[in-house]
Amino acid sequence: MSIAYRNEPYKEEVINGEHIIDMSSPTVNHNFIISKLTAVFDEYFKFKTCKMFHENLDVFINDENIVQPDWFVVCDPNKIKSNGIYGAPDFVIEVLSPSTAKYDMISKKNLYEKSGVREYWVINQYEKLIHVHELIDGVLVLKNVYSGDEKIAPISFPDFEVYVNEIYRNCIFLE
């Protein structure tokens, strides 16, 4: 049975056929950030063809690559199946954790780039920064790094804006 056809929830990612099992549990702030992203984008996507998803949902890029992005948007309804997403999302956000930072910044970024993800945000929950990458000529290029009271608008959805500080609201910055 191909890994792309599993029907049970499983906390594992596969990149280039290599199983990445050491998926740490999210921090409290990681959870707050994902919840805030979902809340601020909810109204925007309410009547759109594009749909947003978050954490613990399999994205079957192909038979060799299965990931579970922290938060993402899919605009092609044909990719949405009952057990996950089949094909690359259009917009992906990963929230960095110490155990996954290198993985998110290199392996997953390379996979997203090769699979055609149009926009990739990396949220550094410790430095309160958002790195925005855009797919240009097949390469995810860093377009900007946002912080503080700056407004940020997805390249894919320029008619939507949110303040960076709003994404971090309710976070508890403990050591």
C-alpha atoms as a PDB file:
ATOM      1  CA  MET A   1       0.000   0.000   0.000  1.00  0.00           C
ATOM      2  CA  SER A   2       1.387   3.404  -0.980  1.00  0.00           C
ATOM      3  CA  ILE A   3       1.951   5.897   1.821  1.00  0.00           C
ATOM      4  CA  ALA A   4      -0.238   8.337  -0.101  1.00  0.00           C
ATOM      5  CA  TYR A   5      -3.347   6.293   0.664  1.00  0.00           C
ATOM      6  CA  ARG A   6      -3.370   5.912   4.424  1.00  0.00           C
ATOM      7  CA  ASN A   7      -6.761   6.506   6.009  1.00  0.00           C
ATOM      8  CA  GLU A   8      -5.884   6.945   9.674  1.00  0.00           C
ATOM      9  CA  PRO A   9      -4.525  10.106  11.302  1.00  0.00           C
ATOM     10  CA  TYR A  10      -0.796   9.777  11.806  1.00  0.00           C
ATOM     11  CA  LYS A  11       1.630  12.373  13.181  1.00  0.00           C
ATOM     12  CA  GLU A  12       4.379  11.882  10.640  1.00  0.00           C
ATOM     13  CA  GLU A  13       5.725  13.668   7.616  1.00  0.00           C
ATOM     14  CA  VAL A  14       7.538  12.129   4.660  1.00  0.00           C
ATOM     15  CA  ILE A  15       9.925  14.103   2.470  1.00  0.00           C
ATOM     16  CA  ASN A  16      11.580  12.409  -0.501  1.00  0.00           C
ATOM     17  CA  GLY A  17      10.471   9.065   0.895  1.00  0.00           C
ATOM     18  CA  GLU A  18      12.201   9.660   4.257  1.00  0.00           C
ATOM     19  CA  HIS A  19       9.938   9.350   7.291  1.00  0.00           C
ATOM     20  CA  ILE A  20      10.188  12.251   9.717  1.00  0.00           C
ATOM     21  CA  ILE A  21       8.592  10.898  12.885  1.00  0.00           C
ATOM     22  CA  ASP A  22       9.992  13.236  15.544  1.00  0.00           C
ATOM     23  CA  MET A  23       7.181  15.762  15.373  1.00  0.00           C
ATOM     24  CA  SER A  24       7.168  17.622  18.673  1.00  0.00           C
ATOM     25  CA  SER A  25       3.986  18.798  20.333  1.00  0.00           C
ATOM     26  CA  PRO A  26       3.278  22.459  19.654  1.00  0.00           C
ATOM     27  CA  THR A  27       3.987  25.062  22.308  1.00  0.00           C
ATOM     28  CA  VAL A  28       1.248  27.182  23.855  1.00  0.00           C
ATOM     29  CA  ASN A  29       2.314  30.142  21.715  1.00  0.00           C
ATOM     30  CA  HIS A  30       2.390  27.981  18.588  1.00  0.00           C
ATOM     31  CA  ASN A  31      -1.233  27.101  19.315  1.00  0.00           C
ATOM     32  CA  PHE A  32      -2.178  30.753  19.970  1.00  0.00           C
ATOM     33  CA  ILE A  33      -0.591  31.822  16.661  1.00  0.00           C
ATOM     34  CA  ILE A  34      -2.372  29.147  14.613  1.00  0.00           C
ATOM     35  CA  SER A  35      -5.667  29.974  16.342  1.00  0.00           C
ATOM     36  CA  LYS A  36      -5.184  33.686  15.628  1.00  0.00           C
ATOM     37  CA  LEU A  37      -4.347  33.058  11.956  1.00  0.00           C
ATOM     38  CA  THR A  38      -7.491  30.987  11.632  1.00  0.00           C
ATOM     39  CA  ALA A  39      -9.602  33.647  13.361  1.00  0.00           C
ATOM     40  CA  VAL A  40      -8.300  36.620  11.367  1.00  0.00           C
ATOM     41  CA  PHE A  41      -8.567  34.856   8.012  1.00  0.00           C
ATOM     42  CA  ASP A  42     -11.923  33.163   8.707  1.00  0.00           C
ATOM     43  CA  GLU A  43     -14.133  36.031   7.569  1.00  0.00           C
ATOM     44  CA  TYR A  44     -11.990  36.675   4.502  1.00  0.00           C
ATOM     45  CA  PHE A  45     -12.302  33.100   3.224  1.00  0.00           C
ATOM     46  CA  LYS A  46     -15.972  32.649   4.155  1.00  0.00           C
ATOM     47  CA  PHE A  47     -17.306  33.090   0.624  1.00  0.00           C
ATOM     48  CA  LYS A  48     -14.157  32.310  -1.367  1.00  0.00           C
ATOM     49  CA  THR A  49     -13.356  29.256  -3.457  1.00  0.00           C
ATOM     50  CA  CYS A  50     -10.055  29.002  -1.579  1.00  0.00           C
ATOM     51  CA  LYS A  51     -10.274  27.143   1.745  1.00  0.00           C
ATOM     52  CA  MET A  52      -7.973  27.372   4.753  1.00  0.00           C
ATOM     53  CA  PHE A  53      -6.806  24.456   6.870  1.00  0.00           C
ATOM     54  CA  HIS A  54      -4.534  23.995   9.847  1.00  0.00           C
ATOM     55  CA  GLU A  55      -2.433  21.470  11.771  1.00  0.00           C
ATOM     56  CA  ASN A  56      -2.611  17.706  11.670  1.00  0.00           C
ATOM     57  CA  LEU A  57      -4.104  17.400   8.186  1.00  0.00           C
ATOM     58  CA  ASP A  58      -2.131  15.394   5.647  1.00  0.00           C
ATOM     59  CA  VAL A  59      -1.082  17.073   2.427  1.00  0.00           C
ATOM     60  CA  PHE A  60      -0.140  14.396  -0.088  1.00  0.00           C
ATOM     61  CA  ILE A  61       2.170  16.337  -2.401  1.00  0.00           C
ATOM     62  CA  ASN A  62       2.912  13.047  -4.210  1.00  0.00           C
ATOM     63  CA  ASP A  63       3.753   9.428  -3.299  1.00  0.00           C
ATOM     64  CA  GLU A  64       7.137  10.474  -1.889  1.00  0.00           C
ATOM     65  CA  ASN A  65       6.050  13.546   0.087  1.00  0.00           C
ATOM     66  CA  ILE A  66       3.406  13.928   2.783  1.00  0.00           C
ATOM     67  CA  VAL A  67       3.455  16.960   5.058  1.00  0.00           C
ATOM     68  CA  GLN A  68       1.254  18.497   7.732  1.00  0.00           C
ATOM     69  CA  PRO A  69       1.683  22.270   7.404  1.00  0.00           C
ATOM     70  CA  ASP A  70       0.758  24.360  10.428  1.00  0.00           C
ATOM     71  CA  TRP A  71      -1.676  26.482   8.402  1.00  0.00           C
ATOM     72  CA  PHE A  72      -2.422  26.570   4.672  1.00  0.00           C
ATOM     73  CA  VAL A  73      -4.798  27.540   1.875  1.00  0.00           C
ATOM     74  CA  VAL A  74      -5.963  25.452  -1.080  1.00  0.00           C
ATOM     75  CA  CYS A  75      -7.723  27.161  -3.991  1.00  0.00           C
ATOM     76  CA  ASP A  76      -8.376  24.112  -6.185  1.00  0.00           C
ATOM     77  CA  PRO A  77     -11.396  22.248  -4.741  1.00  0.00           C
ATOM     78  CA  ASN A  78     -10.380  19.098  -6.661  1.00  0.00           C
ATOM     79  CA  LYS A  79      -7.384  18.719  -4.327  1.00  0.00           C
ATOM     80  CA  ILE A  80      -9.605  18.460  -1.236  1.00  0.00           C
ATOM     81  CA  LYS A  81     -10.519  14.883  -0.262  1.00  0.00           C
ATOM     82  CA  SER A  82     -12.004  13.480   2.948  1.00  0.00           C
ATOM     83  CA  ASN A  83      -8.668  12.166   4.233  1.00  0.00           C
ATOM     84  CA  GLY A  84      -6.479  15.115   3.236  1.00  0.00           C
ATOM     85  CA  ILE A  85      -5.253  17.351   0.463  1.00  0.00           C
ATOM     86  CA  TYR A  86      -3.855  15.873  -2.763  1.00  0.00           C
ATOM     87  CA  GLY A  87      -1.417  18.279  -4.371  1.00  0.00           C
ATOM     88  CA  ALA A  88       0.417  21.377  -3.270  1.00  0.00           C
ATOM     89  CA  PRO A  89      -1.403  24.105  -1.333  1.00  0.00           C
ATOM     90  CA  ASP A  90      -1.311  27.634  -2.739  1.00  0.00           C
ATOM     91  CA  PHE A  91      -0.248  29.376   0.485  1.00  0.00           C
ATOM     92  CA  VAL A  92       1.534  27.751   3.445  1.00  0.00           C
ATOM     93  CA  ILE A  93       2.481  29.068   6.889  1.00  0.00           C
ATOM     94  CA  GLU A  94       4.831  27.241   9.244  1.00  0.00           C
ATOM     95  CA  VAL A  95       5.405  28.383  12.835  1.00  0.00           C
ATOM     96  CA  LEU A  96       8.972  27.649  13.863  1.00  0.00           C
ATOM     97  CA  SER A  97       9.728  25.455  16.853  1.00  0.00           C
ATOM     98  CA  PRO A  98      13.278  24.700  18.054  1.00  0.00           C
ATOM     99  CA  SER A  99      12.993  21.058  16.990  1.00  0.00           C
ATOM    100  CA  THR A 100      11.634  21.825  13.498  1.00  0.00           C
ATOM    101  CA  ALA A 101      13.180  25.188  12.547  1.00  0.00           C
ATOM    102  CA  LYS A 102      15.912  23.805  10.268  1.00  0.00           C
ATOM    103  CA  TYR A 103      13.470  21.325   8.764  1.00  0.00           C
ATOM    104  CA  ASP A 104      10.887  24.078   8.040  1.00  0.00           C
ATOM    105  CA  MET A 105      13.469  26.534   6.691  1.00  0.00           C
ATOM    106  CA  ILE A 106      15.286  24.080   4.416  1.00  0.00           C
ATOM    107  CA  SER A 107      13.624  20.720   3.683  1.00  0.00           C
ATOM    108  CA  LYS A 108      10.017  21.880   3.674  1.00  0.00           C
ATOM    109  CA  LYS A 109      10.822  25.152   1.916  1.00  0.00           C
ATOM    110  CA  ASN A 110      12.609  23.192  -0.841  1.00  0.00           C
ATOM    111  CA  LEU A 111       9.668  20.800  -1.131  1.00  0.00           C
ATOM    112  CA  TYR A 112       7.153  23.646  -1.251  1.00  0.00           C
ATOM    113  CA  GLU A 113       9.251  25.372  -3.889  1.00  0.00           C
ATOM    114  CA  LYS A 114       9.514  22.242  -6.095  1.00  0.00           C
ATOM    115  CA  SER A 115       5.809  21.490  -5.752  1.00  0.00           C
ATOM    116  CA  GLY A 116       4.682  25.000  -6.745  1.00  0.00           C
ATOM    117  CA  VAL A 117       3.465  26.552  -3.472  1.00  0.00           C
ATOM    118  CA  ARG A 118       2.960  30.185  -4.499  1.00  0.00           C
ATOM    119  CA  GLU A 119       3.545  31.751  -1.088  1.00  0.00           C
ATOM    120  CA  TYR A 120       5.329  30.548   2.043  1.00  0.00           C
ATOM    121  CA  TRP A 121       5.384  32.361   5.381  1.00  0.00           C
ATOM    122  CA  VAL A 122       7.681  31.320   8.205  1.00  0.00           C
ATOM    123  CA  ILE A 123       6.634  32.690  11.588  1.00  0.00           C
ATOM    124  CA  ASN A 124       9.411  32.916  14.143  1.00  0.00           C
ATOM    125  CA  GLN A 125       7.434  32.825  17.378  1.00  0.00           C
ATOM    126  CA  TYR A 126      10.510  33.673  19.478  1.00  0.00           C
ATOM    127  CA  GLU A 127      11.665  36.754  17.573  1.00  0.00           C
ATOM    128  CA  LYS A 128       8.120  37.796  16.574  1.00  0.00           C
ATOM    129  CA  LEU A 129       9.078  37.934  12.896  1.00  0.00           C
ATOM    130  CA  ILE A 130       7.268  36.784   9.767  1.00  0.00           C
ATOM    131  CA  HIS A 131       9.384  35.864   6.721  1.00  0.00           C
ATOM    132  CA  VAL A 132       7.370  36.078   3.504  1.00  0.00           C
ATOM    133  CA  HIS A 133       8.526  34.070   0.471  1.00  0.00           C
ATOM    134  CA  GLU A 134       6.981  34.278  -2.998  1.00  0.00           C
ATOM    135  CA  LEU A 135       7.391  31.761  -5.816  1.00  0.00           C
ATOM    136  CA  ILE A 136       9.110  33.581  -8.668  1.00  0.00           C
ATOM    137  CA  ASP A 137      10.276  31.598 -11.693  1.00  0.00           C
ATOM    138  CA  GLY A 138      10.098  28.377  -9.674  1.00  0.00           C
ATOM    139  CA  VAL A 139      12.053  29.723  -6.685  1.00  0.00           C
ATOM    140  CA  LEU A 140      10.645  30.747  -3.296  1.00  0.00           C
ATOM    141  CA  VAL A 141      12.249  34.162  -2.889  1.00  0.00           C
ATOM    142  CA  LEU A 142      12.296  36.043   0.430  1.00  0.00           C
ATOM    143  CA  LYS A 143      10.247  39.173  -0.294  1.00  0.00           C
ATOM    144  CA  ASN A 144      10.185  40.767   3.151  1.00  0.00           C
ATOM    145  CA  VAL A 145      10.458  40.221   6.893  1.00  0.00           C
ATOM    146  CA  TYR A 146       7.686  41.795   8.977  1.00  0.00           C
ATOM    147  CA  SER A 147       7.479  42.633  12.674  1.00  0.00           C
ATOM    148  CA  GLY A 148       5.713  44.751  15.278  1.00  0.00           C
ATOM    149  CA  ASP A 149       2.989  47.106  14.145  1.00  0.00           C
ATOM    150  CA  GLU A 150       3.618  46.568  10.422  1.00  0.00           C
ATOM    151  CA  LYS A 151       0.717  45.511   8.243  1.00  0.00           C
ATOM    152  CA  ILE A 152       1.164  42.319   6.301  1.00  0.00           C
ATOM    153  CA  ALA A 153      -0.881  41.219   3.290  1.00  0.00           C
ATOM    154  CA  PRO A 154      -0.564  37.843   1.632  1.00  0.00           C
ATOM    155  CA  ILE A 155       0.860  38.195  -1.861  1.00  0.00           C
ATOM    156  CA  SER A 156      -1.840  35.765  -2.998  1.00  0.00           C
ATOM    157  CA  PHE A 157      -4.624  37.789  -1.360  1.00  0.00           C
ATOM    158  CA  PRO A 158      -3.519  41.460  -1.439  1.00  0.00           C
ATOM    159  CA  ASP A 159      -6.983  42.737  -0.504  1.00  0.00           C
ATOM    160  CA  PHE A 160      -6.539  41.294   3.007  1.00  0.00           C
ATOM    161  CA  GLU A 161      -4.275  42.889   5.629  1.00  0.00           C
ATOM    162  CA  VAL A 162      -3.459  42.155   9.246  1.00  0.00           C
ATOM    163  CA  TYR A 163      -1.059  43.729  11.713  1.00  0.00           C
ATOM    164  CA  VAL A 164       1.812  41.461  12.733  1.00  0.00           C
ATOM    165  CA  ASN A 165       1.122  42.260  16.402  1.00  0.00           C
ATOM    166  CA  GLU A 166      -2.427  40.939  15.940  1.00  0.00           C
ATOM    167  CA  ILE A 167      -1.053  37.514  15.034  1.00  0.00           C
ATOM    168  CA  TYR A 168       0.926  37.457  18.298  1.00  0.00           C
ATOM    169  CA  ARG A 169      -1.946  38.676  20.476  1.00  0.00           C
ATOM    170  CA  ASN A 170      -2.539  36.420  23.525  1.00  0.00           C
ATOM    171  CA  CYS A 171       0.905  34.817  23.248  1.00  0.00           C
ATOM    172  CA  ILE A 172       2.633  34.197  26.545  1.00  0.00           C
ATOM    173  CA  PHE A 173       6.345  34.729  26.091  1.00  0.00           C
ATOM    174  CA  LEU A 174       7.790  32.532  28.801  1.00  0.00           C
ATOM    175  CA  GLU A 175      11.249  30.988  28.895  1.00  0.00           C
END
